[in-house]
């Protein structure tokens, strides 16, 4: 009887562990597929943009969003490659954290898309630009004009990976904020209600409103 009870209590846990184990490889494949779905179109459009777009540039720095000082570090002959290697490690760590345990579908998708966008731009700086933009200096290929000058940096140009990064980041932030709001409302709803004692408005020793007759503030 004891052995049977133990087996029955262990069965749901074992089934849950098996389900989690089966989910992890699928999520890893899904994340890898999403990264490839960003990198391949981005590199293909960069190859096309460098040859056929009205204007294409090589972004040797970071991005116009971070300003000139940090962009100068990324474009430096020594600091640039060192920062690229640091980014490789950071992206690898982000990918490991993303797939090390089962996650919700939306979180997995947005995380993989962000990693794919950053990885594609990093591939340019690590040498892919010699194939997509032969003869160019080290940097990412940008060929989509934004249309607005920003902070005296000229007319910023973008690539497909940039739009993927911004879209996935915005969606991830909206999801986190919405989830936090739902968690707060759920916690408030589950909080036990404590009765509040009713205080009498005035009067000595708890003397309050008259129960009958006309009301007078001087009672």
C-alpha atoms as a PDB file:
ATOM      1  CA  UNK A   1       0.000   0.000   0.000  1.00  0.00           C
ATOM      2  CA  UNK A   2       2.806   2.378   0.863  1.00  0.00           C
ATOM      3  CA  UNK A   3       4.649   1.612  -2.367  1.00  0.00           C
ATOM      4  CA  UNK A   4       1.486   2.170  -4.425  1.00  0.00           C
ATOM      5  CA  UNK A   5       0.807   5.506  -2.723  1.00  0.00           C
ATOM      6  CA  UNK A   6       4.393   6.589  -3.351  1.00  0.00           C
ATOM      7  CA  UNK A   7       4.122   5.662  -7.041  1.00  0.00           C
ATOM      8  CA  UNK A   8       0.877   7.568  -7.438  1.00  0.00           C
ATOM      9  CA  UNK A   9       2.296  10.669  -5.820  1.00  0.00           C
ATOM     10  CA  UNK A  10       5.444  10.527  -7.936  1.00  0.00           C
ATOM     11  CA  UNK A  11       3.746   9.964 -11.282  1.00  0.00           C
ATOM     12  CA  UNK A  12       2.518  13.554 -11.914  1.00  0.00           C
ATOM     13  CA  UNK A  13       5.934  14.961 -11.028  1.00  0.00           C
ATOM     14  CA  UNK A  14       7.678  12.569 -13.388  1.00  0.00           C
ATOM     15  CA  UNK A  15       5.266  13.428 -16.181  1.00  0.00           C
ATOM     16  CA  UNK A  16       5.867  17.141 -15.600  1.00  0.00           C
ATOM     17  CA  UNK A  17       9.626  16.609 -15.692  1.00  0.00           C
ATOM     18  CA  UNK A  18       9.336  14.660 -18.944  1.00  0.00           C
ATOM     19  CA  UNK A  19       7.199  17.412 -20.487  1.00  0.00           C
ATOM     20  CA  UNK A  20       9.744  20.063 -19.488  1.00  0.00           C
ATOM     21  CA  UNK A  21      12.569  17.935 -20.891  1.00  0.00           C
ATOM     22  CA  UNK A  22      10.735  17.488 -24.196  1.00  0.00           C
ATOM     23  CA  UNK A  23       9.992  21.230 -24.411  1.00  0.00           C
ATOM     24  CA  UNK A  24      13.590  22.406 -24.063  1.00  0.00           C
ATOM     25  CA  UNK A  25      14.950  20.909 -27.344  1.00  0.00           C
ATOM     26  CA  UNK A  26      11.969  22.295 -29.273  1.00  0.00           C
ATOM     27  CA  UNK A  27      12.516  25.745 -27.816  1.00  0.00           C
ATOM     28  CA  UNK A  28      16.224  25.611 -28.645  1.00  0.00           C
ATOM     29  CA  UNK A  29      15.431  24.707 -32.245  1.00  0.00           C
ATOM     30  CA  UNK A  30      12.789  27.433 -32.386  1.00  0.00           C
ATOM     31  CA  UNK A  31      15.225  30.033 -31.039  1.00  0.00           C
ATOM     32  CA  UNK A  32      17.923  28.938 -33.499  1.00  0.00           C
ATOM     33  CA  UNK A  33      15.432  29.106 -36.369  1.00  0.00           C
ATOM     34  CA  UNK A  34      14.357  32.632 -35.386  1.00  0.00           C
ATOM     35  CA  UNK A  35      17.968  33.809 -35.214  1.00  0.00           C
ATOM     36  CA  UNK A  36      18.589  32.369 -38.687  1.00  0.00           C
ATOM     37  CA  UNK A  37      15.345  33.952 -39.934  1.00  0.00           C
ATOM     38  CA  UNK A  38      16.802  37.346 -39.007  1.00  0.00           C
ATOM     39  CA  UNK A  39      20.436  36.845 -40.021  1.00  0.00           C
ATOM     40  CA  UNK A  40      19.853  35.392 -43.496  1.00  0.00           C
ATOM     41  CA  UNK A  41      17.410  38.065 -44.790  1.00  0.00           C
ATOM     42  CA  UNK A  42      19.457  40.830 -43.207  1.00  0.00           C
ATOM     43  CA  UNK A  43      22.706  39.708 -44.811  1.00  0.00           C
ATOM     44  CA  UNK A  44      20.957  39.157 -48.138  1.00  0.00           C
ATOM     45  CA  UNK A  45      19.451  42.647 -48.150  1.00  0.00           C
ATOM     46  CA  UNK A  46      22.805  44.132 -47.146  1.00  0.00           C
ATOM     47  CA  UNK A  47      24.406  42.400 -50.128  1.00  0.00           C
ATOM     48  CA  UNK A  48      21.679  43.853 -52.367  1.00  0.00           C
ATOM     49  CA  UNK A  49      21.762  47.299 -50.755  1.00  0.00           C
ATOM     50  CA  UNK A  50      25.494  47.724 -51.179  1.00  0.00           C
ATOM     51  CA  UNK A  51      25.169  47.070 -54.915  1.00  0.00           C
ATOM     52  CA  UNK A  52      21.774  48.430 -55.918  1.00  0.00           C
ATOM     53  CA  UNK A  53      20.414  50.805 -53.254  1.00  0.00           C
ATOM     54  CA  UNK A  54      20.534  54.535 -54.093  1.00  0.00           C
ATOM     55  CA  UNK A  55      22.967  55.057 -51.225  1.00  0.00           C
ATOM     56  CA  UNK A  56      24.645  52.710 -48.760  1.00  0.00           C
ATOM     57  CA  UNK A  57      27.114  53.432 -45.999  1.00  0.00           C
ATOM     58  CA  UNK A  58      29.367  51.476 -43.670  1.00  0.00           C
ATOM     59  CA  UNK A  59      28.569  52.123 -40.039  1.00  0.00           C
ATOM     60  CA  UNK A  60      31.992  51.715 -38.484  1.00  0.00           C
ATOM     61  CA  UNK A  61      30.765  52.744 -35.022  1.00  0.00           C
ATOM     62  CA  UNK A  62      28.019  51.453 -32.796  1.00  0.00           C
ATOM     63  CA  UNK A  63      24.832  53.296 -33.702  1.00  0.00           C
ATOM     64  CA  UNK A  64      23.630  56.887 -33.819  1.00  0.00           C
ATOM     65  CA  UNK A  65      21.461  56.157 -30.761  1.00  0.00           C
ATOM     66  CA  UNK A  66      24.457  55.885 -28.410  1.00  0.00           C
ATOM     67  CA  UNK A  67      26.218  59.065 -29.584  1.00  0.00           C
ATOM     68  CA  UNK A  68      29.676  59.872 -30.840  1.00  0.00           C
ATOM     69  CA  UNK A  69      31.912  58.920 -27.857  1.00  0.00           C
ATOM     70  CA  UNK A  70      30.743  55.302 -27.635  1.00  0.00           C
ATOM     71  CA  UNK A  71      30.524  54.998 -31.425  1.00  0.00           C
ATOM     72  CA  UNK A  72      34.154  56.113 -31.535  1.00  0.00           C
ATOM     73  CA  UNK A  73      35.133  53.240 -29.280  1.00  0.00           C
ATOM     74  CA  UNK A  74      33.429  50.758 -31.604  1.00  0.00           C
ATOM     75  CA  UNK A  75      35.145  52.231 -34.666  1.00  0.00           C
ATOM     76  CA  UNK A  76      38.605  52.354 -33.100  1.00  0.00           C
ATOM     77  CA  UNK A  77      41.297  50.105 -34.614  1.00  0.00           C
ATOM     78  CA  UNK A  78      42.028  48.458 -31.249  1.00  0.00           C
ATOM     79  CA  UNK A  79      38.989  49.162 -29.064  1.00  0.00           C
ATOM     80  CA  UNK A  80      36.577  48.173 -31.835  1.00  0.00           C
ATOM     81  CA  UNK A  81      37.696  44.529 -32.221  1.00  0.00           C
ATOM     82  CA  UNK A  82      37.947  44.158 -28.443  1.00  0.00           C
ATOM     83  CA  UNK A  83      34.382  45.406 -28.008  1.00  0.00           C
ATOM     84  CA  UNK A  84      33.266  43.058 -30.775  1.00  0.00           C
ATOM     85  CA  UNK A  85      34.736  40.105 -28.894  1.00  0.00           C
ATOM     86  CA  UNK A  86      33.030  41.316 -25.727  1.00  0.00           C
ATOM     87  CA  UNK A  87      29.726  41.480 -27.593  1.00  0.00           C
ATOM     88  CA  UNK A  88      30.216  37.923 -28.822  1.00  0.00           C
ATOM     89  CA  UNK A  89      30.474  36.789 -25.228  1.00  0.00           C
ATOM     90  CA  UNK A  90      27.440  38.840 -24.155  1.00  0.00           C
ATOM     91  CA  UNK A  91      25.286  37.501 -26.984  1.00  0.00           C
ATOM     92  CA  UNK A  92      26.377  33.955 -26.241  1.00  0.00           C
ATOM     93  CA  UNK A  93      25.460  34.445 -22.586  1.00  0.00           C
ATOM     94  CA  UNK A  94      22.100  35.960 -23.537  1.00  0.00           C
ATOM     95  CA  UNK A  95      21.348  32.997 -25.797  1.00  0.00           C
ATOM     96  CA  UNK A  96      22.288  30.525 -23.064  1.00  0.00           C
ATOM     97  CA  UNK A  97      20.029  32.254 -20.545  1.00  0.00           C
ATOM     98  CA  UNK A  98      17.201  32.357 -23.070  1.00  0.00           C
ATOM     99  CA  UNK A  99      17.140  28.615 -23.790  1.00  0.00           C
ATOM    100  CA  UNK A 100      18.366  27.132 -20.523  1.00  0.00           C
ATOM    101  CA  UNK A 101      14.805  26.659 -19.258  1.00  0.00           C
ATOM    102  CA  UNK A 102      11.304  26.582 -20.809  1.00  0.00           C
ATOM    103  CA  UNK A 103       9.855  30.014 -21.512  1.00  0.00           C
ATOM    104  CA  UNK A 104       6.630  31.484 -22.768  1.00  0.00           C
ATOM    105  CA  UNK A 105       6.348  31.646 -26.526  1.00  0.00           C
ATOM    106  CA  UNK A 106       6.287  35.457 -26.732  1.00  0.00           C
ATOM    107  CA  UNK A 107       9.334  35.835 -24.500  1.00  0.00           C
ATOM    108  CA  UNK A 108      11.237  33.253 -26.504  1.00  0.00           C
ATOM    109  CA  UNK A 109      10.331  34.890 -29.817  1.00  0.00           C
ATOM    110  CA  UNK A 110      11.232  38.447 -28.807  1.00  0.00           C
ATOM    111  CA  UNK A 111      14.459  37.348 -27.158  1.00  0.00           C
ATOM    112  CA  UNK A 112      15.563  35.291 -30.151  1.00  0.00           C
ATOM    113  CA  UNK A 113      14.731  38.121 -32.563  1.00  0.00           C
ATOM    114  CA  UNK A 114      16.795  40.609 -30.559  1.00  0.00           C
ATOM    115  CA  UNK A 115      19.734  38.217 -30.409  1.00  0.00           C
ATOM    116  CA  UNK A 116      19.412  37.566 -34.152  1.00  0.00           C
ATOM    117  CA  UNK A 117      19.446  41.281 -34.991  1.00  0.00           C
ATOM    118  CA  UNK A 118      22.473  42.051 -32.840  1.00  0.00           C
ATOM    119  CA  UNK A 119      24.253  38.956 -34.112  1.00  0.00           C
ATOM    120  CA  UNK A 120      23.778  39.925 -37.751  1.00  0.00           C
ATOM    121  CA  UNK A 121      25.234  43.404 -37.233  1.00  0.00           C
ATOM    122  CA  UNK A 122      28.063  41.889 -35.228  1.00  0.00           C
ATOM    123  CA  UNK A 123      28.799  39.449 -38.039  1.00  0.00           C
ATOM    124  CA  UNK A 124      29.395  42.438 -40.322  1.00  0.00           C
ATOM    125  CA  UNK A 125      32.055  43.764 -37.977  1.00  0.00           C
ATOM    126  CA  UNK A 126      33.638  40.349 -37.601  1.00  0.00           C
ATOM    127  CA  UNK A 127      34.270  39.996 -41.338  1.00  0.00           C
ATOM    128  CA  UNK A 128      30.979  39.350 -43.114  1.00  0.00           C
ATOM    129  CA  UNK A 129      31.208  42.830 -44.659  1.00  0.00           C
ATOM    130  CA  UNK A 130      33.949  41.536 -46.956  1.00  0.00           C
ATOM    131  CA  UNK A 131      31.293  39.394 -48.649  1.00  0.00           C
ATOM    132  CA  UNK A 132      28.269  41.684 -48.508  1.00  0.00           C
ATOM    133  CA  UNK A 133      30.264  44.864 -49.216  1.00  0.00           C
ATOM    134  CA  UNK A 134      33.622  43.930 -50.787  1.00  0.00           C
ATOM    135  CA  UNK A 135      36.348  46.550 -50.401  1.00  0.00           C
ATOM    136  CA  UNK A 136      34.622  48.309 -47.511  1.00  0.00           C
ATOM    137  CA  UNK A 137      36.051  49.033 -44.109  1.00  0.00           C
ATOM    138  CA  UNK A 138      35.051  47.082 -41.003  1.00  0.00           C
ATOM    139  CA  UNK A 139      31.458  47.873 -39.998  1.00  0.00           C
ATOM    140  CA  UNK A 140      27.785  47.190 -40.573  1.00  0.00           C
ATOM    141  CA  UNK A 141      26.119  47.919 -43.914  1.00  0.00           C
ATOM    142  CA  UNK A 142      23.279  50.478 -43.664  1.00  0.00           C
ATOM    143  CA  UNK A 143      21.234  51.411 -46.712  1.00  0.00           C
ATOM    144  CA  UNK A 144      17.667  52.303 -45.569  1.00  0.00           C
ATOM    145  CA  UNK A 145      17.336  56.067 -44.959  1.00  0.00           C
ATOM    146  CA  UNK A 146      15.279  56.963 -41.927  1.00  0.00           C
ATOM    147  CA  UNK A 147      14.389  60.391 -43.315  1.00  0.00           C
ATOM    148  CA  UNK A 148      15.080  62.494 -40.220  1.00  0.00           C
ATOM    149  CA  UNK A 149      18.382  64.129 -39.176  1.00  0.00           C
ATOM    150  CA  UNK A 150      19.277  63.305 -35.597  1.00  0.00           C
ATOM    151  CA  UNK A 151      21.567  65.190 -33.224  1.00  0.00           C
ATOM    152  CA  UNK A 152      23.803  66.606 -35.984  1.00  0.00           C
ATOM    153  CA  UNK A 153      24.870  63.114 -36.969  1.00  0.00           C
ATOM    154  CA  UNK A 154      23.660  63.525 -40.514  1.00  0.00           C
ATOM    155  CA  UNK A 155      20.949  61.431 -42.099  1.00  0.00           C
ATOM    156  CA  UNK A 156      20.932  58.097 -40.255  1.00  0.00           C
ATOM    157  CA  UNK A 157      20.732  54.933 -42.301  1.00  0.00           C
ATOM    158  CA  UNK A 158      19.389  51.627 -41.101  1.00  0.00           C
ATOM    159  CA  UNK A 159      19.321  47.981 -42.072  1.00  0.00           C
ATOM    160  CA  UNK A 160      16.778  45.198 -41.596  1.00  0.00           C
ATOM    161  CA  UNK A 161      18.413  43.974 -38.387  1.00  0.00           C
ATOM    162  CA  UNK A 162      17.996  47.415 -36.805  1.00  0.00           C
ATOM    163  CA  UNK A 163      14.234  47.366 -37.352  1.00  0.00           C
ATOM    164  CA  UNK A 164      14.013  43.829 -35.959  1.00  0.00           C
ATOM    165  CA  UNK A 165      15.932  44.847 -32.828  1.00  0.00           C
ATOM    166  CA  UNK A 166      13.738  47.882 -32.172  1.00  0.00           C
ATOM    167  CA  UNK A 167      10.475  46.048 -32.864  1.00  0.00           C
ATOM    168  CA  UNK A 168      11.370  43.040 -30.703  1.00  0.00           C
ATOM    169  CA  UNK A 169      12.627  45.260 -27.864  1.00  0.00           C
ATOM    170  CA  UNK A 170       9.453  47.371 -27.878  1.00  0.00           C
ATOM    171  CA  UNK A 171       7.240  44.267 -27.918  1.00  0.00           C
ATOM    172  CA  UNK A 172       9.221  42.733 -25.074  1.00  0.00           C
ATOM    173  CA  UNK A 173       8.888  45.880 -22.934  1.00  0.00           C
ATOM    174  CA  UNK A 174       5.147  46.089 -23.570  1.00  0.00           C
ATOM    175  CA  UNK A 175       4.760  42.425 -22.627  1.00  0.00           C
ATOM    176  CA  UNK A 176       6.745  42.849 -19.404  1.00  0.00           C
ATOM    177  CA  UNK A 177       4.743  45.931 -18.388  1.00  0.00           C
ATOM    178  CA  UNK A 178       1.419  44.227 -19.133  1.00  0.00           C
ATOM    179  CA  UNK A 179       2.462  41.126 -17.197  1.00  0.00           C
ATOM    180  CA  UNK A 180       3.531  43.267 -14.243  1.00  0.00           C
ATOM    181  CA  UNK A 181       0.160  45.035 -14.250  1.00  0.00           C
ATOM    182  CA  UNK A 182      -1.721  41.737 -14.285  1.00  0.00           C
ATOM    183  CA  UNK A 183       0.432  40.372 -11.460  1.00  0.00           C
ATOM    184  CA  UNK A 184      -0.277  43.464  -9.367  1.00  0.00           C
ATOM    185  CA  UNK A 185      -4.021  43.174  -9.912  1.00  0.00           C
ATOM    186  CA  UNK A 186      -3.960  39.448  -9.116  1.00  0.00           C
ATOM    187  CA  UNK A 187      -2.058  40.089  -5.891  1.00  0.00           C
ATOM    188  CA  UNK A 188      -4.521  42.798  -4.891  1.00  0.00           C
ATOM    189  CA  UNK A 189      -7.478  40.532  -5.648  1.00  0.00           C
ATOM    190  CA  UNK A 190      -6.048  37.660  -3.613  1.00  0.00           C
ATOM    191  CA  UNK A 191      -5.287  39.849  -0.592  1.00  0.00           C
ATOM    192  CA  UNK A 192      -7.733  39.103   2.272  1.00  0.00           C
ATOM    193  CA  UNK A 193     -10.216  41.844   3.043  1.00  0.00           C
ATOM    194  CA  UNK A 194      -9.955  43.186   6.585  1.00  0.00           C
ATOM    195  CA  UNK A 195     -13.032  44.906   7.997  1.00  0.00           C
ATOM    196  CA  UNK A 196     -12.392  48.548   8.851  1.00  0.00           C
ATOM    197  CA  UNK A 197     -13.980  49.792  12.082  1.00  0.00           C
ATOM    198  CA  UNK A 198     -16.570  52.498  11.527  1.00  0.00           C
ATOM    199  CA  UNK A 199     -15.571  55.676  13.315  1.00  0.00           C
ATOM    200  CA  UNK A 200     -18.189  58.032  14.604  1.00  0.00           C
ATOM    201  CA  UNK A 201     -17.852  61.568  13.252  1.00  0.00           C
ATOM    202  CA  UNK A 202     -17.758  63.452  16.518  1.00  0.00           C
ATOM    203  CA  UNK A 203     -19.113  63.598  20.000  1.00  0.00           C
ATOM    204  CA  UNK A 204     -17.657  62.735  23.408  1.00  0.00           C
ATOM    205  CA  UNK A 205     -17.082  59.072  24.182  1.00  0.00           C
ATOM    206  CA  UNK A 206     -18.311  57.815  20.837  1.00  0.00           C
ATOM    207  CA  UNK A 207     -21.464  59.862  20.795  1.00  0.00           C
ATOM    208  CA  UNK A 208     -22.499  60.112  17.138  1.00  0.00           C
ATOM    209  CA  UNK A 209     -25.410  60.783  14.866  1.00  0.00           C
ATOM    210  CA  UNK A 210     -28.846  60.838  16.449  1.00  0.00           C
ATOM    211  CA  UNK A 211     -30.853  57.749  15.662  1.00  0.00           C
ATOM    212  CA  UNK A 212     -34.114  59.579  15.292  1.00  0.00           C
ATOM    213  CA  UNK A 213     -35.517  63.027  15.154  1.00  0.00           C
ATOM    214  CA  UNK A 214     -34.026  66.043  13.470  1.00  0.00           C
ATOM    215  CA  UNK A 215     -30.346  66.241  12.906  1.00  0.00           C
ATOM    216  CA  UNK A 216     -28.275  68.921  14.589  1.00  0.00           C
ATOM    217  CA  UNK A 217     -24.512  69.369  14.414  1.00  0.00           C
ATOM    218  CA  UNK A 218     -24.486  70.428  18.076  1.00  0.00           C
ATOM    219  CA  UNK A 219     -25.742  67.113  19.499  1.00  0.00           C
END
